[in-house]
Amino acid sequence: IGTAEAMNLGQKLGMDPTLLASILNTSSGRCWASEISNPCPDVITTSPASNQYDGGFGVTLMAKDMGLAINAANESKSTVALGALSHQIYNLVGQTPGFEKKDFGSVFKWIRNETCEKK
């Protein structure tokens, strides 16, 4: 979600998404989501985002797994405020028509109020 928000913000500010990803990936912002499975379409050709979010790890599976993590956190009396918020977001994305069977990176399109279909 953080990478999706960063890529969205950069685009809204007029940055080229490929350049932004390059900057992220040579800085402390580098992570799996920015380098391997960037949620912004056409930045990483092998990412599900470049294939209308088909394939990859489903958003509903992410919501399910986040729920399991939240339960484990509750049982161990651990605070996971960001995890709980992420769980809520993935639940909402997974309930949005057209997103149910898409990769979890589709949260990028969801926060932009866009569909996952190719334009």
Foldseek 3Di string as FASTA:
>chain_A
DVLLVQLVVCVVVPHDSLVSLVVCCVDPNNDCCSPPAPLDAPNHCPHCLVVLQADAAALVVVLVVLVVVVVVCVVVVHDDPVSVVVSVLSVVQCPDPQRVGGHNSCSSCVVVVHHSDDD
